[in-house]
Amino acid sequence: MSKRIVIGQLGPTLDKGYKRNRWENWRPTISICQHEDHLIDQFELLFQKKFQDLADQVTEDIKSISPETKVNHHRIEYRDAWDFQDVFSGLYDFADNYNFDTDNNEYVVHITTGTHVSQICLFLLTESRHFPAKLLQTSPPRRKRSNEPGSFNIIDLDLSKYDHIAQRFLLEQTRDLDFLKSGIATRNTLFNRMMEQIEHITIHSNDPILLTGPTGAGKSQLAKRIYELKNQKRQIQGPLVEVNCATIRGDTAMSTLFGHTRGAFTGAATARKGLLVEANNGMLFLDEVGELGPDEQTMLLRAIEEKRFLAVGADKETQSEFSLICGTNRDLLNEVKEGRFREDLLARINLWTFKLPGLAERRDDIEPNIEYELSQLTRNTGRQVHFNNEARRHFLEFAMSEDAFWSANFRDVNACMRRMATMAPSGRITQSVVKDEIERLNQSWQTPITCNEKDNNILLKILGTQRIEEIDIFDIAQLRTVVNVCFESSSLSEAGRKLFAASRKQRKTINDADRLRKYLAKFDLDWQTIKKSS
């Protein structure tokens, strides 16, 4: 049979007793050895040097009531028995140096004696298996003065043995996951797996999170949900501060983010504390973080690493503790290669990076998102809106087909559902309403301006609306790429090398600049015209 070994702390008050006749009082360490149905083979008694006399007395008393119990003394010194770090370190060192033999011995850790801090530390070390043991809790008898040993309870921290407890944890996780997804019953396997990871990281980590993906994929909405979940779990108490970095370019960016002192620059009539200070003890969401300039990136890196920064015009540092989520639709690795984004800043913010797919990449989630939009419309307007069966079938067939581009992602879904709900007679979306909406969507997706608003505004500026309408959609997409590469390049030759990097290897004679010049000429464009528009 295996030996039963108790590891317990000496209770300087309870184990001493309140009267001269110590046997008239319940003493937890002694009571453990008084239960005939739970015999103890060995007791590892932990105590501080100043309680040596009491430890000797308790050892003698145990021998008198349980001669078969061997008591071993272990001195553990604390500077302060109520200091968590001090107590945890002492108990951790004991566990680390103790020779546990779980094959031949059964261990229990007594958590009734000692300060509350030491009891918590013993619990944590047992739960983490540094003590490969069960917990032992003792209680006094109902009658104050009694020779009875009281009662005891063995607590096994292996939660896998408690199905109902495990199911409660699973239910809570499912509820948190559902919250992050705004209650949408998403079906896409990869997306759901990603959301499970985000839920776990939200609960267990306070490190920065980087959300990437196309515009309209839901980065801002997810950031808000992460904040709200952390707030519910009491992990943060401060506000959520959101900023679109694309809107604070230039001289105002530093002031907006980090604040300024009065008189720091022309027009600074009053001091401003800045968004990082507003996010103190809360969360900062930097959307389109790739749009930050080099100076802001440098300041942000220091603020993330040290939680300190200088406001514009200040000579004294400001401190702010904040959680951070960044969002971008740019390829930041490429931005680093091109010298537009700091490599060390990217390394700091992309510890947890998640790419949110566009709606066209998860068409199996279109139907539940349509249902979600309808429910939100009902909630916001108080007006019930439903599809009739044929209209629903027709719209879903189109929405989930390759003909539906969903170029603006969930913004497209939100917009089309609002339009159909508005046009629905008596709250019923009919076949006629669906037909009109499909035509409207197809027309909008055929207009280049919806594919990438920033890039196509440039094409409109260069070519004009009439000229764009004369160019095939396929050619527009290709031309957009060419123009972007030209913007990013310092010369026609450099742009040509980038655009023809693959095919140039197969050509005997290479003149990338001439090839690019001829391509642009097909659209009545040249290098100078493009660069002037940049």
Protein backbone atom coordinates (compact mmCIF):
# COMPACT_ATOMS: atom_id res chain seq x y z
CA MET A 1 0.00 0.00 0.00
CA SER A 2 1.14 3.56 -0.70
CA LYS A 3 2.05 5.86 2.16
CA ARG A 4 -0.19 8.83 2.93
CA ILE A 5 1.89 11.99 3.40
CA VAL A 6 0.53 15.33 4.59
CA ILE A 7 2.32 18.60 3.80
CA GLY A 8 1.11 21.40 6.06
CA GLN A 9 2.07 24.67 7.66
CA LEU A 10 2.22 25.15 11.40
CA GLY A 11 -0.59 27.38 12.66
CA PRO A 12 1.04 29.66 15.26
CA THR A 13 -2.35 30.60 16.75
CA LEU A 14 -4.72 27.69 16.17
CA ASP A 15 -2.16 24.92 16.73
CA LYS A 16 -1.09 26.54 20.01
CA GLY A 17 -4.57 26.58 21.54
CA TYR A 18 -6.18 29.38 23.53
CA LYS A 19 -5.92 27.95 27.04
CA ARG A 20 -3.24 26.33 29.12
CA ASN A 21 -4.94 23.01 28.59
CA ARG A 22 -4.32 22.75 24.90
CA TRP A 23 -6.32 19.56 24.55
CA GLU A 24 -9.56 21.40 25.25
CA ASN A 25 -9.24 23.29 21.96
CA TRP A 26 -9.39 22.19 18.36
CA ARG A 27 -5.97 22.36 16.73
CA PRO A 28 -5.98 21.81 12.94
CA THR A 29 -2.57 20.15 12.55
CA ILE A 30 -3.23 17.81 15.48
CA SER A 31 -6.76 16.99 14.29
CA ILE A 32 -5.47 15.63 10.98
CA CYS A 33 -3.87 12.72 12.86
CA GLN A 34 -6.93 11.99 15.02
CA HIS A 35 -9.10 10.42 12.32
CA GLU A 36 -8.97 6.64 12.60
CA ASP A 37 -10.43 6.25 9.12
CA HIS A 38 -7.74 8.44 7.57
CA LEU A 39 -4.41 7.43 9.04
CA ILE A 40 -1.36 9.54 8.29
CA ASP A 41 1.99 7.84 7.71
CA GLN A 42 4.12 10.95 7.43
CA PHE A 43 3.70 14.66 8.16
CA GLU A 44 5.92 17.30 6.54
CA LEU A 45 5.57 20.24 8.94
CA LEU A 46 6.51 23.66 7.54
CA PHE A 47 7.29 26.53 9.94
CA GLN A 48 9.46 29.56 10.60
CA LYS A 49 12.44 29.35 12.95
CA LYS A 50 10.77 31.57 15.55
CA PHE A 51 8.06 28.93 16.03
CA GLN A 52 10.49 26.07 16.71
CA ASP A 53 9.22 25.49 20.28
CA LEU A 54 5.61 25.22 19.09
CA ALA A 55 6.68 22.86 16.29
CA ASP A 56 8.37 20.60 18.87
CA GLN A 57 5.25 20.64 21.07
CA VAL A 58 2.92 19.83 18.14
CA THR A 59 5.25 17.01 17.08
CA GLU A 60 5.13 15.47 20.57
CA ASP A 61 1.33 15.76 20.63
CA ILE A 62 1.03 14.01 17.25
CA LYS A 63 3.24 11.18 18.49
CA SER A 64 1.04 10.77 21.56
CA ILE A 65 -2.17 10.33 19.54
CA SER A 66 -0.73 8.72 16.40
CA PRO A 67 2.57 6.93 17.13
CA GLU A 68 2.73 5.55 13.59
CA THR A 69 2.93 9.08 12.10
CA LYS A 70 6.45 10.29 11.37
CA VAL A 71 6.82 14.08 11.60
CA ASN A 72 9.56 15.84 9.61
CA HIS A 73 10.45 19.47 10.26
CA HIS A 74 11.08 21.97 7.45
CA ARG A 75 12.06 25.55 8.18
CA ILE A 76 10.85 28.13 5.66
CA GLU A 77 11.72 31.73 6.39
CA TYR A 78 9.54 34.66 5.24
CA ARG A 79 10.45 38.30 5.75
CA ASP A 80 6.72 38.98 5.72
CA ALA A 81 4.16 36.15 5.92
CA TRP A 82 1.63 38.43 4.18
CA ASP A 83 3.89 39.27 1.22
CA PHE A 84 2.73 37.22 -1.76
CA GLN A 85 6.05 37.14 -3.62
CA ASP A 86 8.02 36.27 -0.48
CA VAL A 87 5.68 33.46 0.60
CA PHE A 88 5.23 32.04 -2.90
CA SER A 89 9.01 31.95 -3.45
CA GLY A 90 9.59 30.10 -0.17
CA LEU A 91 6.92 27.48 -0.83
CA TYR A 92 7.98 27.14 -4.46
CA ASP A 93 11.59 26.43 -3.40
CA PHE A 94 10.38 23.79 -0.95
CA ALA A 95 8.31 22.05 -3.61
CA ASP A 96 11.16 22.27 -6.12
CA ASN A 97 13.63 20.63 -3.73
CA TYR A 98 11.32 18.02 -2.21
CA ASN A 99 11.74 14.49 -3.53
CA PHE A 100 8.18 13.52 -4.49
CA ASP A 101 7.59 9.82 -5.12
CA THR A 102 4.08 9.65 -6.56
CA ASP A 103 4.42 5.99 -7.54
CA ASN A 104 4.64 4.90 -3.90
CA ASN A 105 3.13 7.77 -1.95
CA GLU A 106 -0.17 9.67 -1.81
CA TYR A 107 0.27 13.37 -1.03
CA VAL A 108 -2.20 15.84 0.43
CA VAL A 109 -1.59 19.53 1.15
CA HIS A 110 -3.24 21.01 4.24
CA ILE A 111 -4.57 24.54 3.52
CA THR A 112 -6.40 25.35 6.77
CA THR A 113 -3.46 26.85 8.68
CA GLY A 114 -1.14 29.75 7.90
CA THR A 115 -1.94 33.22 6.59
CA HIS A 116 -4.49 33.62 3.81
CA VAL A 117 -1.60 34.49 1.51
CA SER A 118 0.19 31.22 2.24
CA GLN A 119 -3.05 29.27 1.80
CA ILE A 120 -3.52 30.85 -1.64
CA CYS A 121 0.09 30.07 -2.57
CA LEU A 122 -0.32 26.43 -1.55
CA PHE A 123 -3.48 26.22 -3.64
CA LEU A 124 -1.76 27.70 -6.71
CA LEU A 125 1.28 25.43 -6.38
CA THR A 126 -0.96 22.39 -6.02
CA GLU A 127 -3.17 23.41 -8.93
CA SER A 128 -0.06 23.85 -11.10
CA ARG A 129 1.17 20.39 -9.98
CA HIS A 130 4.32 21.71 -8.30
CA PHE A 131 2.81 19.82 -5.39
CA PRO A 132 1.52 16.59 -7.04
CA ALA A 133 -1.18 16.32 -4.43
CA LYS A 134 -4.78 16.74 -3.41
CA LEU A 135 -5.88 19.48 -1.03
CA LEU A 136 -6.89 18.80 2.56
CA GLN A 137 -9.21 21.15 4.42
CA THR A 138 -10.08 20.62 8.09
CA SER A 139 -12.92 22.08 10.15
CA PRO A 140 -13.54 22.25 13.94
CA PRO A 141 -16.26 20.20 15.67
CA ARG A 142 -19.64 21.83 16.18
CA ARG A 143 -19.13 21.99 19.91
CA LYS A 144 -16.45 24.49 20.90
CA ARG A 145 -14.95 22.37 23.67
CA SER A 146 -14.75 18.82 22.51
CA ASN A 147 -12.24 16.04 22.16
CA GLU A 148 -13.60 15.30 18.72
CA PRO A 149 -11.18 15.91 15.83
CA GLY A 150 -13.71 17.81 13.75
CA SER A 151 -14.11 17.04 10.06
CA PHE A 152 -11.93 17.04 6.98
CA ASN A 153 -12.48 17.29 3.26
CA ILE A 154 -10.23 16.08 0.42
CA ILE A 155 -10.28 18.28 -2.69
CA ASP A 156 -9.02 16.86 -5.98
CA LEU A 157 -8.04 19.64 -8.37
CA ASP A 158 -8.28 17.38 -11.41
CA LEU A 159 -11.27 19.17 -12.98
CA SER A 160 -11.57 16.49 -15.65
CA LYS A 161 -13.24 14.35 -12.99
CA TYR A 162 -16.02 16.87 -12.56
CA ASP A 163 -18.04 16.91 -15.76
CA HIS A 164 -20.52 19.51 -14.57
CA ILE A 165 -17.71 21.92 -13.67
CA ALA A 166 -15.96 21.33 -16.99
CA GLN A 167 -19.22 21.95 -18.80
CA ARG A 168 -19.68 25.26 -17.00
CA PHE A 169 -16.24 26.37 -18.22
CA LEU A 170 -17.16 25.23 -21.73
CA LEU A 171 -20.47 27.08 -21.55
CA GLU A 172 -18.70 30.26 -20.46
CA GLN A 173 -16.18 29.92 -23.29
CA THR A 174 -19.00 29.38 -25.79
CA ARG A 175 -20.81 32.44 -24.45
CA ASP A 176 -17.65 34.57 -24.74
CA LEU A 177 -17.01 33.31 -28.27
CA ASP A 178 -20.60 34.06 -29.26
CA PHE A 179 -20.17 37.57 -27.84
CA LEU A 180 -17.04 38.21 -29.94
CA LYS A 181 -18.97 37.14 -33.05
CA SER A 182 -21.85 39.50 -32.16
CA GLY A 183 -24.14 36.51 -31.76
CA ILE A 184 -23.75 35.52 -35.43
CA ALA A 185 -23.80 31.74 -35.89
CA THR A 186 -20.86 31.69 -38.30
CA ARG A 187 -20.26 28.46 -40.20
CA ASN A 188 -16.83 28.92 -41.76
CA THR A 189 -14.48 26.45 -40.08
CA LEU A 190 -11.28 28.48 -40.42
CA PHE A 191 -12.96 31.67 -39.24
CA ASN A 192 -14.49 29.95 -36.21
CA ARG A 193 -11.12 28.44 -35.29
CA MET A 194 -9.52 31.87 -35.51
CA MET A 195 -12.23 33.38 -33.29
CA GLU A 196 -11.65 30.64 -30.69
CA GLN A 197 -7.99 31.65 -30.58
CA ILE A 198 -8.89 35.32 -30.25
CA GLU A 199 -11.30 34.51 -27.39
CA HIS A 200 -8.58 32.59 -25.54
CA ILE A 201 -5.98 35.32 -26.06
CA THR A 202 -8.43 38.04 -25.00
CA ILE A 203 -8.94 36.28 -21.67
CA HIS A 204 -5.38 35.12 -21.03
CA SER A 205 -3.12 37.82 -22.50
CA ASN A 206 -2.72 41.57 -22.37
CA ASP A 207 -0.22 41.73 -25.24
CA PRO A 208 -0.93 43.81 -28.38
CA ILE A 209 -3.19 42.31 -31.05
CA LEU A 210 -2.85 43.11 -34.76
CA LEU A 211 -5.96 42.70 -36.91
CA THR A 212 -5.35 42.69 -40.66
CA GLY A 213 -7.64 42.23 -43.62
CA PRO A 214 -9.50 44.19 -46.28
CA THR A 215 -11.64 47.23 -45.57
CA GLY A 216 -15.07 46.22 -44.30
CA ALA A 217 -13.93 42.82 -42.97
CA GLY A 218 -14.98 43.78 -39.44
CA LYS A 219 -11.73 44.84 -37.75
CA SER A 220 -13.27 47.80 -35.90
CA GLN A 221 -16.27 45.78 -34.72
CA LEU A 222 -14.05 42.96 -33.46
CA ALA A 223 -11.78 45.41 -31.63
CA LYS A 224 -14.82 46.82 -29.80
CA ARG A 225 -15.95 43.33 -28.86
CA ILE A 226 -12.50 42.42 -27.53
CA TYR A 227 -12.54 45.54 -25.38
CA GLU A 228 -16.05 44.83 -24.08
CA LEU A 229 -15.14 41.23 -23.22
CA LYS A 230 -12.01 42.33 -21.34
CA ASN A 231 -14.10 44.93 -19.55
CA GLN A 232 -16.68 42.31 -18.57
CA LYS A 233 -13.88 40.14 -17.15
CA ARG A 234 -12.64 43.18 -15.17
CA GLN A 235 -9.27 43.00 -16.91
CA ILE A 236 -9.45 46.69 -17.82
CA GLN A 237 -11.44 49.53 -16.28
CA GLY A 238 -10.65 52.48 -18.54
CA PRO A 239 -12.31 53.54 -21.80
CA LEU A 240 -11.90 52.31 -25.37
CA VAL A 241 -10.18 55.04 -27.38
CA GLU A 242 -10.38 54.63 -31.15
CA VAL A 243 -8.44 56.55 -33.75
CA ASN A 244 -8.16 56.15 -37.50
CA CYS A 245 -4.50 56.93 -38.14
CA ALA A 246 -5.26 57.85 -41.76
CA THR A 247 -7.15 60.91 -40.49
CA ILE A 248 -4.32 62.37 -38.39
CA ARG A 249 -1.54 62.75 -40.93
CA GLY A 250 0.90 65.62 -40.76
CA ASP A 251 1.63 68.02 -37.89
CA THR A 252 -1.52 67.19 -35.94
CA ALA A 253 -0.70 63.48 -35.59
CA MET A 254 1.83 63.86 -32.74
CA SER A 255 -0.42 66.22 -30.84
CA THR A 256 -3.50 64.04 -31.31
CA LEU A 257 -1.78 60.88 -30.10
CA PHE A 258 0.62 62.14 -27.45
CA GLY A 259 -0.82 65.53 -26.49
CA HIS A 260 0.83 68.95 -26.30
CA THR A 261 1.55 71.67 -23.81
CA ARG A 262 0.15 75.16 -23.97
CA GLY A 263 2.16 77.24 -26.43
CA ALA A 264 3.96 74.21 -27.87
CA PHE A 265 3.25 75.51 -31.37
CA THR A 266 1.28 78.23 -33.10
CA GLY A 267 -2.39 77.79 -32.24
CA ALA A 268 -1.80 75.70 -29.08
CA ALA A 269 -3.75 78.07 -26.83
CA THR A 270 -4.51 75.30 -24.32
CA ALA A 271 -2.85 72.06 -23.34
CA ARG A 272 -4.11 68.75 -24.75
CA LYS A 273 -3.55 65.44 -23.03
CA GLY A 274 -3.71 63.24 -26.16
CA LEU A 275 -5.41 59.94 -26.94
CA LEU A 276 -2.80 57.72 -25.28
CA VAL A 277 -3.46 59.43 -21.97
CA GLU A 278 -7.22 59.13 -22.49
CA ALA A 279 -6.71 55.37 -22.92
CA ASN A 280 -4.98 55.02 -19.54
CA ASN A 281 -6.14 51.79 -17.81
CA GLY A 282 -8.25 51.08 -20.89
CA MET A 283 -7.67 50.12 -24.50
CA LEU A 284 -6.30 52.01 -27.50
CA PHE A 285 -7.43 50.92 -30.96
CA LEU A 286 -5.19 52.29 -33.71
CA ASP A 287 -7.02 51.58 -36.95
CA GLU A 288 -4.97 51.87 -40.17
CA VAL A 289 -1.78 51.91 -38.08
CA GLY A 290 0.24 51.59 -41.30
CA GLU A 291 -0.64 55.21 -42.10
CA LEU A 292 1.41 56.60 -39.19
CA GLY A 293 4.45 58.67 -40.09
CA PRO A 294 8.01 57.81 -38.99
CA ASP A 295 8.02 60.19 -36.01
CA GLU A 296 4.73 58.87 -34.67
CA GLN A 297 5.96 55.30 -35.12
CA THR A 298 9.07 56.05 -33.06
CA MET A 299 7.07 57.63 -30.25
CA LEU A 300 4.51 54.83 -30.31
CA LEU A 301 7.19 52.15 -29.99
CA ARG A 302 8.54 53.77 -26.82
CA ALA A 303 5.04 54.27 -25.42
CA ILE A 304 4.28 50.56 -25.94
CA GLU A 305 7.55 49.33 -24.46
CA GLU A 306 7.94 51.73 -21.55
CA LYS A 307 4.43 53.15 -21.14
CA ARG A 308 6.08 56.59 -21.19
CA PHE A 309 6.30 59.35 -23.77
CA LEU A 310 6.78 63.09 -24.16
CA ALA A 311 3.90 65.32 -25.15
CA VAL A 312 4.72 67.91 -27.80
CA GLY A 313 6.54 70.78 -26.11
CA ALA A 314 6.82 68.99 -22.76
CA ASP A 315 10.04 68.43 -20.80
CA LYS A 316 8.48 65.92 -18.41
CA GLU A 317 7.35 62.45 -19.48
CA THR A 318 3.75 61.32 -19.34
CA GLN A 319 2.79 57.80 -18.28
CA SER A 320 -0.13 55.72 -19.54
CA GLU A 321 -0.97 52.04 -19.08
CA PHE A 322 -3.12 50.79 -21.93
CA SER A 323 -3.95 47.65 -23.86
CA LEU A 324 -3.38 47.95 -27.59
CA ILE A 325 -5.14 46.69 -30.70
CA CYS A 326 -3.94 47.75 -34.14
CA GLY A 327 -5.78 47.36 -37.42
CA THR A 328 -4.56 47.63 -41.00
CA ASN A 329 -5.45 46.65 -44.54
CA ARG A 330 -1.84 47.05 -45.60
CA ASP A 331 0.86 44.39 -45.88
CA LEU A 332 3.06 45.67 -43.07
CA LEU A 333 5.87 43.24 -43.87
CA ASN A 334 6.05 44.77 -47.33
CA GLU A 335 5.83 48.24 -45.79
CA VAL A 336 8.89 47.36 -43.68
CA LYS A 337 10.78 46.20 -46.77
CA GLU A 338 9.89 49.43 -48.54
CA GLY A 339 11.10 51.45 -45.54
CA ARG A 340 7.71 52.92 -44.69
CA PHE A 341 7.15 51.08 -41.41
CA ARG A 342 9.54 50.40 -38.54
CA GLU A 343 10.57 46.77 -38.25
CA ASP A 344 10.93 46.98 -34.46
CA LEU A 345 7.45 48.49 -34.12
CA LEU A 346 5.94 45.71 -36.24
CA ALA A 347 7.73 43.13 -34.10
CA ARG A 348 6.16 44.72 -31.01
CA ILE A 349 2.57 44.89 -32.25
CA ASN A 350 2.29 41.61 -34.16
CA LEU A 351 2.78 39.17 -31.29
CA TRP A 352 -0.80 38.08 -31.97
CA THR A 353 -1.75 38.69 -35.60
CA PHE A 354 -5.06 37.67 -37.13
CA LYS A 355 -6.09 38.18 -40.73
CA LEU A 356 -9.82 38.67 -41.06
CA PRO A 357 -10.96 37.20 -44.39
CA GLY A 358 -13.20 39.12 -46.75
CA LEU A 359 -16.80 38.01 -47.15
CA ALA A 360 -16.07 36.45 -50.55
CA GLU A 361 -13.64 34.10 -48.77
CA ARG A 362 -16.32 32.82 -46.39
CA ARG A 363 -19.49 32.63 -48.44
CA ASP A 364 -20.93 30.02 -46.07
CA ASP A 365 -21.26 32.86 -43.53
CA ILE A 366 -23.31 35.10 -45.81
CA GLU A 367 -26.66 33.64 -44.76
CA PRO A 368 -26.16 34.05 -40.97
CA ASN A 369 -24.88 37.59 -41.54
CA ILE A 370 -28.00 38.43 -43.55
CA GLU A 371 -30.11 37.14 -40.65
CA TYR A 372 -28.05 39.22 -38.24
CA GLU A 373 -28.55 42.38 -40.31
CA LEU A 374 -32.31 41.79 -40.43
CA SER A 375 -32.45 41.32 -36.66
CA GLN A 376 -30.45 44.52 -36.14
CA LEU A 377 -32.82 46.44 -38.42
CA THR A 378 -35.78 45.17 -36.43
CA ARG A 379 -34.08 46.12 -33.20
CA ASN A 380 -33.13 49.62 -34.37
CA THR A 381 -36.34 50.52 -36.18
CA GLY A 382 -38.94 48.44 -34.36
CA ARG A 383 -40.17 47.22 -37.75
CA GLN A 384 -40.21 43.50 -38.54
CA VAL A 385 -38.74 42.68 -41.95
CA HIS A 386 -38.66 39.21 -43.53
CA PHE A 387 -38.02 37.60 -46.90
CA ASN A 388 -40.75 35.62 -48.54
CA ASN A 389 -39.51 32.11 -49.33
CA GLU A 390 -38.90 32.55 -53.07
CA ALA A 391 -37.16 35.92 -52.59
CA ARG A 392 -34.94 34.47 -49.89
CA ARG A 393 -33.92 31.52 -52.05
CA HIS A 394 -33.21 33.79 -55.00
CA PHE A 395 -31.11 36.27 -53.03
CA LEU A 396 -29.06 33.60 -51.23
CA GLU A 397 -28.39 31.84 -54.51
CA PHE A 398 -26.96 35.07 -55.91
CA ALA A 399 -25.18 36.15 -52.71
CA MET A 400 -23.27 32.87 -52.37
CA SER A 401 -22.36 32.61 -56.04
CA GLU A 402 -19.12 33.74 -57.68
CA ASP A 403 -21.12 36.52 -59.38
CA ALA A 404 -21.32 38.38 -56.07
CA PHE A 405 -18.03 40.20 -55.44
CA TRP A 406 -18.87 41.70 -52.02
CA SER A 407 -15.98 44.10 -52.61
CA ALA A 408 -16.87 46.21 -49.57
CA ASN A 409 -17.42 43.05 -47.53
CA PHE A 410 -19.85 43.43 -44.62
CA ARG A 411 -20.52 47.05 -45.48
CA ASP A 412 -22.04 45.77 -48.71
CA VAL A 413 -24.24 43.34 -46.78
CA ASN A 414 -25.36 46.02 -44.35
CA ALA A 415 -26.13 48.47 -47.16
CA CYS A 416 -28.07 46.04 -49.35
CA MET A 417 -30.16 44.76 -46.43
CA ARG A 418 -31.02 48.32 -45.41
CA ARG A 419 -32.08 49.11 -48.96
CA MET A 420 -34.23 45.99 -49.32
CA ALA A 421 -35.81 46.52 -45.90
CA THR A 422 -36.68 50.10 -46.86
CA MET A 423 -38.25 48.98 -50.14
CA ALA A 424 -40.08 45.96 -48.64
CA PRO A 425 -43.86 46.42 -48.78
CA SER A 426 -45.47 45.61 -45.42
CA GLY A 427 -42.12 44.36 -44.14
CA ARG A 428 -41.89 41.53 -46.71
CA ILE A 429 -38.90 41.44 -49.04
CA THR A 430 -40.32 40.19 -52.32
CA GLN A 431 -38.85 38.75 -55.48
CA SER A 432 -39.17 42.13 -57.16
CA VAL A 433 -37.21 43.87 -54.39
CA VAL A 434 -34.48 41.23 -54.60
CA LYS A 435 -34.24 41.55 -58.38
CA ASP A 436 -33.79 45.31 -58.15
CA GLU A 437 -31.16 44.96 -55.45
CA ILE A 438 -29.15 42.39 -57.43
CA GLU A 439 -29.10 44.75 -60.40
CA ARG A 440 -28.00 47.59 -58.13
CA LEU A 441 -25.18 45.52 -56.61
CA ASN A 442 -23.96 44.31 -60.00
CA GLN A 443 -23.90 47.85 -61.29
CA SER A 444 -21.96 49.13 -58.27
CA TRP A 445 -19.42 46.32 -58.48
CA GLN A 446 -18.84 47.06 -62.16
CA THR A 447 -17.87 50.63 -61.27
CA PRO A 448 -14.18 50.66 -60.36
CA ILE A 449 -14.67 53.21 -57.60
CA THR A 450 -16.16 50.52 -55.30
CA CYS A 451 -13.24 48.11 -55.63
CA ASN A 452 -10.68 50.30 -53.91
CA GLU A 453 -11.83 53.82 -53.22
CA LYS A 454 -8.38 55.31 -52.73
CA ASP A 455 -6.80 53.71 -55.82
CA ASN A 456 -9.76 54.41 -58.08
CA ASN A 457 -9.96 58.04 -57.02
CA ILE A 458 -6.44 58.29 -58.41
CA LEU A 459 -7.57 56.68 -61.68
CA LEU A 460 -10.49 59.10 -61.84
CA LYS A 461 -8.12 62.00 -61.32
CA ILE A 462 -5.79 60.80 -64.08
CA LEU A 463 -8.29 59.49 -66.65
CA GLY A 464 -11.65 61.07 -65.85
CA THR A 465 -15.01 59.34 -65.50
CA GLN A 466 -15.79 59.16 -69.20
CA ARG A 467 -12.47 57.56 -70.07
CA ILE A 468 -12.82 54.96 -67.27
CA GLU A 469 -16.28 53.96 -68.51
CA GLU A 470 -14.71 53.16 -71.88
CA ILE A 471 -12.19 50.71 -70.37
CA ASP A 472 -13.01 47.06 -69.59
CA ILE A 473 -13.13 46.03 -65.93
CA PHE A 474 -10.26 43.59 -66.48
CA ASP A 475 -8.04 46.35 -67.87
CA ILE A 476 -9.02 48.72 -65.07
CA ALA A 477 -7.86 46.20 -62.44
CA GLN A 478 -4.54 45.74 -64.22
CA LEU A 479 -4.04 49.46 -64.75
CA ARG A 480 -4.71 50.14 -61.08
CA THR A 481 -1.82 47.83 -60.14
CA VAL A 482 0.51 49.46 -62.66
CA VAL A 483 -0.28 52.96 -61.39
CA ASN A 484 0.33 51.91 -57.78
CA VAL A 485 3.74 50.47 -58.67
CA CYS A 486 4.61 53.68 -60.51
CA PHE A 487 3.71 55.72 -57.43
CA GLU A 488 5.99 53.56 -55.27
CA SER A 489 8.94 53.71 -57.67
CA SER A 490 11.50 56.46 -58.18
CA SER A 491 11.92 55.92 -61.93
CA LEU A 492 10.25 54.38 -64.97
CA SER A 493 12.98 51.71 -65.10
CA GLU A 494 12.47 50.73 -61.43
CA ALA A 495 8.72 50.42 -61.95
CA GLY A 496 9.31 48.30 -65.04
CA ARG A 497 11.66 45.97 -63.18
CA LYS A 498 9.01 45.39 -60.50
CA LEU A 499 6.17 44.84 -62.96
CA PHE A 500 8.04 42.51 -65.32
CA ALA A 501 10.21 40.71 -62.74
CA ALA A 502 9.06 37.24 -63.84
CA SER A 503 8.80 37.58 -67.63
CA ARG A 504 12.05 39.55 -68.01
CA LYS A 505 14.03 36.42 -67.08
CA GLN A 506 12.76 34.69 -70.23
CA ARG A 507 13.60 37.52 -72.64
CA LYS A 508 16.85 37.86 -74.57
CA THR A 509 16.70 41.63 -74.69
CA ILE A 510 15.45 43.59 -71.71
CA ASN A 511 14.03 47.08 -71.79
CA ASP A 512 11.54 47.27 -68.92
CA ALA A 513 11.13 51.03 -69.19
CA ASP A 514 10.17 50.78 -72.87
CA ARG A 515 7.66 47.98 -72.17
CA LEU A 516 6.03 50.02 -69.44
CA ARG A 517 6.02 53.17 -71.58
CA LYS A 518 4.21 51.31 -74.38
CA TYR A 519 1.67 49.83 -71.92
CA LEU A 520 0.82 53.25 -70.51
CA ALA A 521 0.53 54.70 -74.01
CA LYS A 522 -2.41 52.35 -74.71
CA PHE A 523 -4.38 54.41 -72.18
CA ASP A 524 -2.92 57.75 -73.30
CA LEU A 525 -0.79 57.90 -70.16
CA ASP A 526 2.88 58.58 -69.52
CA TRP A 527 5.25 58.55 -66.53
CA GLN A 528 5.14 62.30 -65.94
CA THR A 529 1.33 62.42 -65.86
CA ILE A 530 1.17 59.67 -63.26
CA LYS A 531 3.86 61.13 -61.00
CA LYS A 532 2.23 64.57 -61.09
CA SER A 533 -0.97 62.98 -59.73
CA SER A 534 0.78 61.22 -56.85
